PDB file of N, CA and C in Angstrom:
ATOM      1  N   MET A   1       0.795  -1.091  -0.097  1.00  0.00           N
ATOM      2  CA  MET A   1       0.095   0.000   0.064  1.00  0.00           C
ATOM      3  C   MET A   1       0.929   1.206  -0.085  1.00  0.00           C
ATOM      4  N   THR A   2       0.683   2.234  -0.776  1.00  0.00           N
ATOM      5  CA  THR A   2       1.367   3.448  -0.785  1.00  0.00           C
ATOM      6  C   THR A   2       1.294   4.200   0.209  1.00  0.00           C
ATOM      7  N   GLU A   3       2.124   5.210   0.607  1.00  0.00           N
ATOM      8  CA  GLU A   3       1.545   6.067   1.299  1.00  0.00           C
ATOM      9  C   GLU A   3       0.597   7.201   1.094  1.00  0.00           C
ATOM     10  N   LYS A   4       0.322   7.430  -0.182  1.00  0.00           N
ATOM     11  CA  LYS A   4      -0.890   8.351  -0.554  1.00  0.00           C
ATOM     12  C   LYS A   4      -2.176   7.712  -0.255  1.00  0.00           C
ATOM     13  N   THR A   5      -2.599   6.132  -0.566  1.00  0.00           N
ATOM     14  CA  THR A   5      -3.696   5.847  -0.277  1.00  0.00           C
ATOM     15  C   THR A   5      -3.992   5.520   1.147  1.00  0.00           C
ATOM     16  N   ALA A   6      -2.881   5.220   1.988  1.00  0.00           N
ATOM     17  CA  ALA A   6      -2.928   5.011   3.353  1.00  0.00           C
ATOM     18  C   ALA A   6      -3.502   6.225   4.088  1.00  0.00           C
ATOM     19  N   ASN A   7      -3.080   7.269   3.617  1.00  0.00           N
ATOM     20  CA  ASN A   7      -3.317   8.417   4.345  1.00  0.00           C
ATOM     21  C   ASN A   7      -5.021   8.836   4.029  1.00  0.00           C
ATOM     22  N   GLN A   8      -5.601   8.502   2.910  1.00  0.00           N
ATOM     23  CA  GLN A   8      -6.787   8.823   2.429  1.00  0.00           C
ATOM     24  C   GLN A   8      -7.921   8.056   3.288  1.00  0.00           C
ATOM     25  N   PRO A   9      -8.939   8.840   4.040  1.00  0.00           N
ATOM     26  CA  PRO A   9      -9.830   8.408   4.761  1.00  0.00           C
ATOM     27  C   PRO A   9     -10.855   7.691   3.961  1.00  0.00           C
ATOM     28  N   ASN A  10     -11.434   6.559   4.454  1.00  0.00           N
ATOM     29  CA  ASN A  10     -12.668   5.837   3.838  1.00  0.00           C
ATOM     30  C   ASN A  10     -13.459   6.823   3.157  1.00  0.00           C
ATOM     31  N   PRO A  11     -13.870   6.441   1.865  1.00  0.00           N
ATOM     32  CA  PRO A  11     -14.991   7.264   1.243  1.00  0.00           C
ATOM     33  C   PRO A  11     -16.288   7.617   1.891  1.00  0.00           C
ATOM     34  N   MET A  12     -16.849   6.565   2.318  1.00  0.00           N
ATOM     35  CA  MET A  12     -18.303   6.510   3.231  1.00  0.00           C
ATOM     36  C   MET A  12     -17.954   7.501   4.455  1.00  0.00           C
ATOM     37  N   ALA A  13     -16.831   7.165   5.248  1.00  0.00           N
ATOM     38  CA  ALA A  13     -16.445   7.822   6.305  1.00  0.00           C
ATOM     39  C   ALA A  13     -16.462   9.564   6.305  1.00  0.00           C
ATOM     40  N   ARG A  14     -15.763   9.776   4.976  1.00  0.00           N
ATOM     41  CA  ARG A  14     -15.764  11.055   4.733  1.00  0.00           C
ATOM     42  C   ARG A  14     -16.928  11.882   4.276  1.00  0.00           C
ATOM     43  N   TYR A  15     -17.746  11.060   3.638  1.00  0.00           N
ATOM     44  CA  TYR A  15     -19.048  11.365   3.172  1.00  0.00           C
ATOM     45  C   TYR A  15     -19.948  11.809   4.332  1.00  0.00           C
ATOM     46  N   TRP A  16     -20.074  10.894   5.345  1.00  0.00           N
ATOM     47  CA  TRP A  16     -20.641  11.090   6.339  1.00  0.00           C
ATOM     48  C   TRP A  16     -20.174  12.321   7.575  1.00  0.00           C
ATOM     49  N   LYS A  17     -18.958  12.504   7.455  1.00  0.00           N
ATOM     50  CA  LYS A  17     -18.264  13.586   8.077  1.00  0.00           C
ATOM     51  C   LYS A  17     -18.602  14.767   7.268  1.00  0.00           C
ATOM     52  N   GLU A  18     -18.780  14.831   6.104  1.00  0.00           N
ATOM     53  CA  GLU A  18     -18.921  16.221   5.562  1.00  0.00           C
ATOM     54  C   GLU A  18     -20.342  16.400   5.495  1.00  0.00           C
ATOM     55  N   THR A  19     -21.334  15.387   5.486  1.00  0.00           N
ATOM     56  CA  THR A  19     -22.859  15.616   5.838  1.00  0.00           C
ATOM     57  C   THR A  19     -22.989  16.134   6.974  1.00  0.00           C
ATOM     58  N   ARG A  20     -22.562  15.823   8.000  1.00  0.00           N
ATOM     59  CA  ARG A  20     -22.638  16.155   9.226  1.00  0.00           C
ATOM     60  C   ARG A  20     -22.195  17.583   9.320  1.00  0.00           C
ATOM     61  N   GLY A  21     -21.153  17.840   9.008  1.00  0.00           N
ATOM     62  CA  GLY A  21     -20.602  19.237   8.803  1.00  0.00           C
ATOM     63  C   GLY A  21     -21.680  20.322   8.331  1.00  0.00           C
ATOM     64  N   GLU A  22     -22.475  19.925   7.004  1.00  0.00           N
ATOM     65  CA  GLU A  22     -23.349  20.549   6.228  1.00  0.00           C
ATOM     66  C   GLU A  22     -24.693  20.774   7.146  1.00  0.00           C
ATOM     67  N   LEU A  23     -25.029  19.756   8.061  1.00  0.00           N
ATOM     68  CA  LEU A  23     -26.060  19.835   8.662  1.00  0.00           C
ATOM     69  C   LEU A  23     -25.919  20.808   9.872  1.00  0.00           C
ATOM     70  N   ARG A  24     -24.736  20.748  10.252  1.00  0.00           N
ATOM     71  CA  ARG A  24     -24.739  21.832  11.497  1.00  0.00           C
ATOM     72  C   ARG A  24     -24.645  23.236  10.967  1.00  0.00           C
ATOM     73  N   LYS A  25     -24.539  23.527   9.705  1.00  0.00           N
ATOM     74  CA  LYS A  25     -24.473  24.795   8.859  1.00  0.00           C
ATOM     75  C   LYS A  25     -26.109  25.270   8.714  1.00  0.00           C
ATOM     76  N   VAL A  26     -26.928  24.306   8.866  1.00  0.00           N
ATOM     77  CA  VAL A  26     -28.382  24.596   8.355  1.00  0.00           C
ATOM     78  C   VAL A  26     -28.966  25.562   9.591  1.00  0.00           C
ATOM     79  N   THR A  27     -29.757  26.382   9.315  1.00  0.00           N
ATOM     80  CA  THR A  27     -30.640  27.401  10.030  1.00  0.00           C
ATOM     81  C   THR A  27     -31.971  26.539  10.299  1.00  0.00           C
ATOM     82  N   TRP A  28     -32.313  25.815  11.307  1.00  0.00           N
ATOM     83  CA  TRP A  28     -33.446  25.102  11.393  1.00  0.00           C
ATOM     84  C   TRP A  28     -34.460  26.218  11.890  1.00  0.00           C
ATOM     85  N   PRO A  29     -35.800  25.868  11.416  1.00  0.00           N
ATOM     86  CA  PRO A  29     -36.852  26.787  11.643  1.00  0.00           C
ATOM     87  C   PRO A  29     -37.042  26.489  13.308  1.00  0.00           C
ATOM     88  N   THR A  30     -37.859  27.479  13.884  1.00  0.00           N
ATOM     89  CA  THR A  30     -38.261  27.370  15.084  1.00  0.00           C
ATOM     90  C   THR A  30     -39.577  26.628  15.179  1.00  0.00           C
ATOM     91  N   ARG A  31     -40.051  26.200  16.562  1.00  0.00           N
ATOM     92  CA  ARG A  31     -41.314  25.404  16.587  1.00  0.00           C
ATOM     93  C   ARG A  31     -42.486  26.239  16.060  1.00  0.00           C
ATOM     94  N   GLU A  32     -42.390  27.552  16.362  1.00  0.00           N
ATOM     95  CA  GLU A  32     -43.572  28.422  15.894  1.00  0.00           C
ATOM     96  C   GLU A  32     -43.491  28.544  14.264  1.00  0.00           C
ATOM     97  N   GLU A  33     -42.435  28.684  14.076  1.00  0.00           N
ATOM     98  CA  GLU A  33     -42.223  28.894  12.417  1.00  0.00           C
ATOM     99  C   GLU A  33     -42.753  27.647  11.684  1.00  0.00           C
ATOM    100  N   SER A  34     -42.448  26.432  12.341  1.00  0.00           N
ATOM    101  CA  SER A  34     -42.660  25.175  11.558  1.00  0.00           C
ATOM    102  C   SER A  34     -44.280  24.929  11.814  1.00  0.00           C
ATOM    103  N   GLN A  35     -44.742  25.370  12.994  1.00  0.00           N
ATOM    104  CA  GLN A  35     -46.322  25.228  13.228  1.00  0.00           C
ATOM    105  C   GLN A  35     -47.133  26.152  12.118  1.00  0.00           C
ATOM    106  N   ARG A  36     -46.414  27.616  11.888  1.00  0.00           N
ATOM    107  CA  ARG A  36     -47.171  28.349  11.047  1.00  0.00           C
ATOM    108  C   ARG A  36     -47.082  27.901   9.676  1.00  0.00           C
ATOM    109  N   LEU A  37     -46.080  27.391   9.295  1.00  0.00           N
ATOM    110  CA  LEU A  37     -45.917  26.979   7.789  1.00  0.00           C
ATOM    111  C   LEU A  37     -46.772  25.820   7.604  1.00  0.00           C
ATOM    112  N   THR A  38     -46.925  24.810   8.753  1.00  0.00           N
ATOM    113  CA  THR A  38     -47.603  23.860   8.485  1.00  0.00           C
ATOM    114  C   THR A  38     -49.094  24.147   8.274  1.00  0.00           C
ATOM    115  N   ALA A  39     -49.675  24.985   9.110  1.00  0.00           N
ATOM    116  CA  ALA A  39     -50.891  25.541   9.168  1.00  0.00           C
ATOM    117  C   ALA A  39     -51.345  26.207   7.485  1.00  0.00           C
ATOM    118  N   ILE A  40     -50.330  26.803   7.111  1.00  0.00           N
ATOM    119  CA  ILE A  40     -50.289  27.231   5.819  1.00  0.00           C
ATOM    120  C   ILE A  40     -50.508  26.329   4.804  1.00  0.00           C
ATOM    121  N   VAL A  41     -49.762  25.315   4.873  1.00  0.00           N
ATOM    122  CA  VAL A  41     -49.721  24.074   3.753  1.00  0.00           C
ATOM    123  C   VAL A  41     -51.004  23.500   4.070  1.00  0.00           C
ATOM    124  N   ILE A  42     -51.485  23.224   5.087  1.00  0.00           N
ATOM    125  CA  ILE A  42     -52.819  22.490   5.236  1.00  0.00           C
ATOM    126  C   ILE A  42     -53.810  23.465   4.598  1.00  0.00           C
ATOM    127  N   ALA A  43     -53.962  24.779   4.967  1.00  0.00           N
ATOM    128  CA  ALA A  43     -55.050  25.743   4.375  1.00  0.00           C
ATOM    129  C   ALA A  43     -54.924  25.720   2.965  1.00  0.00           C
ATOM    130  N   VAL A  44     -53.812  25.752   2.451  1.00  0.00           N
ATOM    131  CA  VAL A  44     -53.856  25.779   0.894  1.00  0.00           C
ATOM    132  C   VAL A  44     -54.334  24.548   0.128  1.00  0.00           C
ATOM    133  N   THR A  45     -53.902  23.346   0.887  1.00  0.00           N
ATOM    134  CA  THR A  45     -54.226  21.991   0.404  1.00  0.00           C
ATOM    135  C   THR A  45     -55.772  21.815   0.500  1.00  0.00           C
ATOM    136  N   ILE A  46     -56.354  22.372   1.501  1.00  0.00           N
ATOM    137  CA  ILE A  46     -57.912  22.277   1.484  1.00  0.00           C
ATOM    138  C   ILE A  46     -58.624  23.179   0.666  1.00  0.00           C
ATOM    139  N   ALA A  47     -57.963  24.465   0.513  1.00  0.00           N
ATOM    140  CA  ALA A  47     -58.506  25.353  -0.345  1.00  0.00           C
ATOM    141  C   ALA A  47     -58.410  24.862  -1.857  1.00  0.00           C
ATOM    142  N   PHE A  48     -57.322  24.340  -2.526  1.00  0.00           N
ATOM    143  CA  PHE A  48     -57.210  23.757  -3.695  1.00  0.00           C
ATOM    144  C   PHE A  48     -58.003  22.591  -3.724  1.00  0.00           C
ATOM    145  N   ALA A  49     -58.191  21.719  -2.842  1.00  0.00           N
ATOM    146  CA  ALA A  49     -59.053  20.470  -2.803  1.00  0.00           C
ATOM    147  C   ALA A  49     -60.650  20.869  -3.049  1.00  0.00           C
ATOM    148  N   LEU A  50     -60.992  21.922  -2.379  1.00  0.00           N
ATOM    149  CA  LEU A  50     -62.299  22.738  -2.433  1.00  0.00           C
ATOM    150  C   LEU A  50     -62.395  23.081  -3.867  1.00  0.00           C
ATOM    151  N   PHE A  51     -61.475  23.805  -4.438  1.00  0.00           N
ATOM    152  CA  PHE A  51     -61.417  24.359  -5.748  1.00  0.00           C
ATOM    153  C   PHE A  51     -61.856  23.331  -6.959  1.00  0.00           C
ATOM    154  N   LEU A  52     -60.977  22.368  -6.722  1.00  0.00           N
ATOM    155  CA  LEU A  52     -61.017  21.325  -7.620  1.00  0.00           C
ATOM    156  C   LEU A  52     -62.290  20.644  -7.555  1.00  0.00           C
ATOM    157  N   TRP A  53     -62.785  20.395  -6.340  1.00  0.00           N
ATOM    158  CA  TRP A  53     -64.302  19.774  -6.120  1.00  0.00           C
ATOM    159  C   TRP A  53     -65.480  20.481  -6.643  1.00  0.00           C
ATOM    160  N   VAL A  54     -65.067  21.846  -6.668  1.00  0.00           N
ATOM    161  CA  VAL A  54     -66.169  22.584  -7.279  1.00  0.00           C
ATOM    162  C   VAL A  54     -66.216  22.673  -8.916  1.00  0.00           C
ATOM    163  N   PHE A  55     -65.005  22.660  -9.128  1.00  0.00           N
ATOM    164  CA  PHE A  55     -65.090  22.695 -10.876  1.00  0.00           C
ATOM    165  C   PHE A  55     -65.372  21.415 -11.297  1.00  0.00           C
ATOM    166  N   ASP A  56     -65.046  20.293 -10.429  1.00  0.00           N
ATOM    167  CA  ASP A  56     -65.405  18.916 -11.189  1.00  0.00           C
ATOM    168  C   ASP A  56     -66.849  18.719 -10.928  1.00  0.00           C
ATOM    169  N   LEU A  57     -67.655  19.318  -9.876  1.00  0.00           N
ATOM    170  CA  LEU A  57     -69.086  19.420  -9.901  1.00  0.00           C
ATOM    171  C   LEU A  57     -69.564  20.268 -11.245  1.00  0.00           C
ATOM    172  N   LEU A  58     -69.045  21.264 -11.530  1.00  0.00           N
ATOM    173  CA  LEU A  58     -69.463  22.041 -12.566  1.00  0.00           C
ATOM    174  C   LEU A  58     -69.344  21.393 -13.878  1.00  0.00           C
ATOM    175  N   PHE A  59     -68.276  20.838 -14.141  1.00  0.00           N
ATOM    176  CA  PHE A  59     -67.909  20.386 -15.408  1.00  0.00           C
ATOM    177  C   PHE A  59     -68.718  19.043 -15.438  1.00  0.00           C
ATOM    178  N   SER A  60     -68.955  18.281 -14.408  1.00  0.00           N
ATOM    179  CA  SER A  60     -69.972  17.124 -14.449  1.00  0.00           C
ATOM    180  C   SER A  60     -71.212  17.315 -14.987  1.00  0.00           C
ATOM    181  N   ASN A  61     -71.721  18.448 -14.417  1.00  0.00           N
ATOM    182  CA  ASN A  61     -73.049  18.762 -14.461  1.00  0.00           C
ATOM    183  C   ASN A  61     -73.309  19.228 -15.988  1.00  0.00           C
ATOM    184  N   VAL A  62     -72.293  20.177 -16.631  1.00  0.00           N
ATOM    185  CA  VAL A  62     -72.226  20.707 -17.762  1.00  0.00           C
ATOM    186  C   VAL A  62     -72.356  19.653 -18.670  1.00  0.00           C
ATOM    187  N   ILE A  63     -71.303  18.361 -18.646  1.00  0.00           N
ATOM    188  CA  ILE A  63     -71.197  17.525 -19.489  1.00  0.00           C
ATOM    189  C   ILE A  63     -72.469  16.623 -19.415  1.00  0.00           C
ATOM    190  N   GLN A  64     -73.116  16.352 -18.421  1.00  0.00           N
ATOM    191  CA  GLN A  64     -74.455  15.644 -18.112  1.00  0.00           C
ATOM    192  C   GLN A  64     -75.329  16.560 -18.801  1.00  0.00           C
ATOM    193  N   LEU A  65     -75.516  17.495 -18.880  1.00  0.00           N
ATOM    194  CA  LEU A  65     -76.478  18.391 -19.640  1.00  0.00           C
ATOM    195  C   LEU A  65     -76.420  18.335 -21.226  1.00  0.00           C
ATOM    196  N   LEU A  66     -75.054  18.451 -21.556  1.00  0.00           N
ATOM    197  CA  LEU A  66     -74.628  18.125 -23.048  1.00  0.00           C
ATOM    198  C   LEU A  66     -75.172  16.795 -23.547  1.00  0.00           C
ATOM    199  N   ILE A  67     -74.896  15.839 -22.673  1.00  0.00           N
ATOM    200  CA  ILE A  67     -75.133  14.652 -23.103  1.00  0.00           C
ATOM    201  C   ILE A  67     -76.638  14.473 -23.367  1.00  0.00           C
ATOM    202  N   GLU A  68     -77.602  14.768 -22.506  1.00  0.00           N
ATOM    203  CA  GLU A  68     -78.874  14.803 -22.460  1.00  0.00           C
ATOM    204  C   GLU A  68     -79.303  15.600 -23.539  1.00  0.00           C
ATOM    205  N   GLN A  69     -78.830  16.872 -23.888  1.00  0.00           N
ATOM    206  CA  GLN A  69     -79.490  17.482 -25.078  1.00  0.00           C
ATOM    207  C   GLN A  69     -78.959  16.762 -26.385  1.00  0.00           C
ATOM    208  N   ILE A  70     -77.799  16.188 -26.493  1.00  0.00           N
ATOM    209  CA  ILE A  70     -77.389  15.619 -27.643  1.00  0.00           C
ATOM    210  C   ILE A  70     -78.146  14.193 -27.945  1.00  0.00           C
ATOM    211  N   ILE A  71     -77.966  13.333 -26.954  1.00  0.00           N
ATOM    212  CA  ILE A  71     -78.659  12.105 -27.115  1.00  0.00           C
ATOM    213  C   ILE A  71     -80.208  11.978 -26.847  1.00  0.00           C
ATOM    214  N   GLY A  72     -80.465  12.840 -25.838  1.00  0.00           N
ATOM    215  CA  GLY A  72     -81.918  12.970 -25.496  1.00  0.00           C
ATOM    216  C   GLY A  72     -82.263  11.943 -24.384  1.00  0.00           C
ATOM    217  N   LEU A  73     -81.267  11.561 -23.577  1.00  0.00           N
ATOM    218  CA  LEU A  73     -81.381  10.723 -22.312  1.00  0.00           C
ATOM    219  C   LEU A  73     -82.389  11.054 -21.261  1.00  0.00           C
TER     220      LEU A  73
END
């Protein structure tokens, strides 16, 4: 084994060491900020679901009326 390869750390160990170092640099959100952002995500999800539901209902009725007019069911 050459001296060059003997001094190099295990690539997997190096990866985890660098990953840990990067995670220490992260600015983590506070509990309040996490709760606020979670509430926003839930509210937007509910609003979008209601929006899709209304348009689905609208288009279903329009298509049903068109079918009744064309076919005469």
